[in-house]
Amino acid sequence: MQLQVGQRLKILVNGEAAETGAATLAELLAELGYEASQVATARNGDFVPKAARGDTQLAADDAIEIVAPRQGG
């Protein structure tokens, strides 16, 4: 799906309602500041490997999970 200029999708990110102008999961991660981070991602409960994020199209009402490893002891 190609978003029109100014078009925004309503999605969930980690259970929170969000709007985005991103068309792909990779674009969403960049928009949220995760582009350089080591994170795991899922779209609608399905794991999305890093190599597939640029090809993973977003759609209205998608549920995106972004999980970052935590350090500590």
N, C-alpha and C. Protein backbone atom coordinates (compact mmCIF):
# COMPACT_ATOMS: atom_id res chain seq x y z
N MET A 1 0.84 -1.18 0.00
CA MET A 1 0.00 0.00 0.00
C MET A 1 0.89 1.23 0.00
N GLN A 2 0.61 2.13 -0.84
CA GLN A 2 1.35 3.40 -0.92
C GLN A 2 0.53 4.47 -0.21
N LEU A 3 1.12 5.10 0.79
CA LEU A 3 0.42 6.18 1.50
C LEU A 3 0.47 7.45 0.67
N GLN A 4 -0.62 8.17 0.68
CA GLN A 4 -0.67 9.47 0.03
C GLN A 4 0.00 10.49 0.94
N VAL A 5 0.49 11.57 0.37
CA VAL A 5 1.12 12.62 1.15
C VAL A 5 0.15 13.09 2.23
N GLY A 6 0.62 13.11 3.47
CA GLY A 6 -0.20 13.55 4.58
C GLY A 6 -1.11 12.48 5.17
N GLN A 7 -1.21 11.32 4.52
CA GLN A 7 -2.05 10.25 5.03
C GLN A 7 -1.38 9.58 6.23
N ARG A 8 -2.16 9.26 7.23
CA ARG A 8 -1.63 8.62 8.43
C ARG A 8 -2.44 7.37 8.73
N LEU A 9 -1.76 6.34 9.21
CA LEU A 9 -2.41 5.10 9.62
C LEU A 9 -2.59 5.08 11.12
N LYS A 10 -3.71 4.55 11.57
CA LYS A 10 -3.92 4.31 13.00
C LYS A 10 -3.52 2.88 13.28
N ILE A 11 -2.53 2.72 14.16
CA ILE A 11 -2.00 1.40 14.51
C ILE A 11 -1.83 1.32 16.02
N LEU A 12 -1.42 0.16 16.50
CA LEU A 12 -1.01 -0.01 17.89
C LEU A 12 0.49 -0.29 17.91
N VAL A 13 1.21 0.38 18.80
CA VAL A 13 2.63 0.11 18.99
C VAL A 13 2.82 -0.24 20.46
N ASN A 14 3.22 -1.48 20.70
CA ASN A 14 3.39 -1.98 22.08
C ASN A 14 2.13 -1.72 22.91
N GLY A 15 0.97 -1.95 22.29
CA GLY A 15 -0.30 -1.84 22.98
C GLY A 15 -0.87 -0.44 23.11
N GLU A 16 -0.15 0.55 22.59
CA GLU A 16 -0.60 1.94 22.68
C GLU A 16 -1.07 2.43 21.31
N ALA A 17 -2.18 3.13 21.27
CA ALA A 17 -2.67 3.69 20.01
C ALA A 17 -1.66 4.70 19.48
N ALA A 18 -1.43 4.65 18.17
CA ALA A 18 -0.47 5.56 17.53
C ALA A 18 -0.93 5.84 16.11
N GLU A 19 -0.42 6.94 15.56
CA GLU A 19 -0.63 7.25 14.14
C GLU A 19 0.74 7.39 13.50
N THR A 20 0.83 6.95 12.25
CA THR A 20 2.10 7.01 11.56
C THR A 20 1.91 7.33 10.09
N GLY A 21 2.89 7.95 9.52
CA GLY A 21 2.93 8.18 8.08
C GLY A 21 3.82 7.15 7.40
N ALA A 22 4.36 6.20 8.18
CA ALA A 22 5.25 5.17 7.64
C ALA A 22 4.45 4.14 6.84
N ALA A 23 5.02 3.69 5.74
CA ALA A 23 4.38 2.67 4.92
C ALA A 23 4.91 1.28 5.24
N THR A 24 6.13 1.20 5.81
CA THR A 24 6.74 -0.10 6.12
C THR A 24 7.17 -0.12 7.58
N LEU A 25 7.45 -1.32 8.06
CA LEU A 25 7.92 -1.47 9.43
C LEU A 25 9.26 -0.77 9.61
N ALA A 26 10.14 -0.84 8.62
CA ALA A 26 11.43 -0.16 8.71
C ALA A 26 11.25 1.34 8.83
N GLU A 27 10.33 1.91 8.07
CA GLU A 27 10.06 3.35 8.16
C GLU A 27 9.49 3.71 9.52
N LEU A 28 8.63 2.86 10.07
CA LEU A 28 8.08 3.11 11.39
C LEU A 28 9.18 3.13 12.44
N LEU A 29 10.09 2.16 12.38
CA LEU A 29 11.19 2.12 13.35
C LEU A 29 12.04 3.38 13.26
N ALA A 30 12.30 3.85 12.05
CA ALA A 30 13.06 5.09 11.88
C ALA A 30 12.29 6.27 12.46
N GLU A 31 10.99 6.32 12.21
CA GLU A 31 10.15 7.40 12.70
C GLU A 31 10.15 7.44 14.24
N LEU A 32 10.22 6.27 14.86
CA LEU A 32 10.19 6.17 16.32
C LEU A 32 11.58 6.24 16.95
N GLY A 33 12.63 6.35 16.12
CA GLY A 33 13.98 6.47 16.65
C GLY A 33 14.67 5.16 16.95
N TYR A 34 14.16 4.06 16.41
CA TYR A 34 14.74 2.74 16.64
C TYR A 34 15.63 2.26 15.50
N GLU A 35 15.86 3.07 14.47
CA GLU A 35 16.55 2.58 13.27
C GLU A 35 17.92 2.00 13.54
N ALA A 36 18.66 2.52 14.51
CA ALA A 36 20.01 2.02 14.80
C ALA A 36 20.02 1.06 15.99
N SER A 37 18.86 0.78 16.56
CA SER A 37 18.78 -0.06 17.75
C SER A 37 18.66 -1.54 17.39
N GLN A 38 19.14 -2.36 18.31
CA GLN A 38 18.94 -3.80 18.19
C GLN A 38 17.61 -4.12 18.84
N VAL A 39 16.61 -4.38 18.03
CA VAL A 39 15.27 -4.68 18.55
C VAL A 39 14.70 -5.89 17.84
N ALA A 40 13.74 -6.52 18.49
CA ALA A 40 12.94 -7.57 17.86
C ALA A 40 11.60 -6.95 17.52
N THR A 41 11.03 -7.39 16.40
CA THR A 41 9.76 -6.81 15.96
C THR A 41 8.76 -7.89 15.58
N ALA A 42 7.49 -7.54 15.77
CA ALA A 42 6.40 -8.42 15.35
C ALA A 42 5.27 -7.55 14.80
N ARG A 43 4.59 -8.09 13.82
CA ARG A 43 3.41 -7.43 13.23
C ARG A 43 2.25 -8.40 13.37
N ASN A 44 1.22 -7.98 14.10
CA ASN A 44 0.03 -8.80 14.33
C ASN A 44 0.39 -10.18 14.88
N GLY A 45 1.37 -10.20 15.80
CA GLY A 45 1.76 -11.44 16.46
C GLY A 45 2.76 -12.29 15.72
N ASP A 46 3.13 -11.90 14.51
CA ASP A 46 4.11 -12.67 13.72
C ASP A 46 5.47 -11.97 13.75
N PHE A 47 6.51 -12.73 14.15
CA PHE A 47 7.86 -12.20 14.19
C PHE A 47 8.26 -11.69 12.81
N VAL A 48 8.91 -10.53 12.76
CA VAL A 48 9.42 -9.97 11.50
C VAL A 48 10.93 -9.81 11.64
N PRO A 49 11.72 -10.62 10.91
CA PRO A 49 13.17 -10.49 10.99
C PRO A 49 13.64 -9.15 10.43
N LYS A 50 14.80 -8.72 10.89
CA LYS A 50 15.35 -7.43 10.47
C LYS A 50 15.40 -7.29 8.95
N ALA A 51 15.80 -8.34 8.27
CA ALA A 51 15.95 -8.29 6.81
C ALA A 51 14.61 -8.09 6.09
N ALA A 52 13.50 -8.39 6.74
CA ALA A 52 12.18 -8.28 6.10
C ALA A 52 11.44 -7.00 6.44
N ARG A 53 11.98 -6.19 7.33
CA ARG A 53 11.25 -4.99 7.79
C ARG A 53 10.97 -3.99 6.67
N GLY A 54 11.89 -3.83 5.73
CA GLY A 54 11.70 -2.90 4.63
C GLY A 54 10.61 -3.34 3.67
N ASP A 55 10.32 -4.63 3.64
CA ASP A 55 9.28 -5.18 2.76
C ASP A 55 7.96 -5.41 3.48
N THR A 56 7.93 -5.18 4.80
CA THR A 56 6.73 -5.43 5.58
C THR A 56 5.86 -4.19 5.58
N GLN A 57 4.79 -4.23 4.78
CA GLN A 57 3.87 -3.11 4.64
C GLN A 57 2.98 -2.99 5.86
N LEU A 58 2.74 -1.76 6.29
CA LEU A 58 1.83 -1.50 7.39
C LEU A 58 0.43 -1.25 6.86
N ALA A 59 -0.56 -1.59 7.67
CA ALA A 59 -1.96 -1.36 7.33
C ALA A 59 -2.67 -0.82 8.56
N ALA A 60 -3.79 -0.16 8.35
CA ALA A 60 -4.58 0.35 9.46
C ALA A 60 -4.91 -0.78 10.43
N ASP A 61 -4.84 -0.47 11.70
CA ASP A 61 -5.17 -1.39 12.79
C ASP A 61 -4.13 -2.48 13.02
N ASP A 62 -2.96 -2.40 12.39
CA ASP A 62 -1.89 -3.34 12.70
C ASP A 62 -1.47 -3.18 14.14
N ALA A 63 -1.06 -4.29 14.75
CA ALA A 63 -0.51 -4.29 16.11
C ALA A 63 0.98 -4.60 15.98
N ILE A 64 1.81 -3.61 16.29
CA ILE A 64 3.25 -3.73 16.17
C ILE A 64 3.86 -3.86 17.56
N GLU A 65 4.74 -4.82 17.72
CA GLU A 65 5.48 -4.96 18.97
C GLU A 65 6.95 -4.72 18.68
N ILE A 66 7.57 -3.90 19.51
CA ILE A 66 8.99 -3.59 19.40
C ILE A 66 9.60 -3.90 20.76
N VAL A 67 10.55 -4.83 20.79
CA VAL A 67 11.15 -5.24 22.04
C VAL A 67 12.65 -5.03 21.97
N ALA A 68 13.17 -4.27 22.93
CA ALA A 68 14.61 -4.00 23.01
C ALA A 68 15.18 -4.77 24.18
N PRO A 69 16.38 -5.35 24.01
CA PRO A 69 17.00 -6.05 25.13
C PRO A 69 17.36 -5.07 26.25
N ARG A 70 17.31 -5.54 27.47
CA ARG A 70 17.67 -4.70 28.61
C ARG A 70 18.92 -5.27 29.26
N GLN A 71 19.75 -4.36 29.71
CA GLN A 71 20.95 -4.78 30.43
C GLN A 71 20.74 -4.56 31.91
N GLY A 72 21.47 -5.29 32.67
CA GLY A 72 21.36 -5.12 34.11
C GLY A 72 21.56 -6.44 34.79
N GLY A 73 21.46 -6.39 36.08
CA GLY A 73 21.73 -7.64 36.78
C GLY A 73 21.00 -7.79 38.02
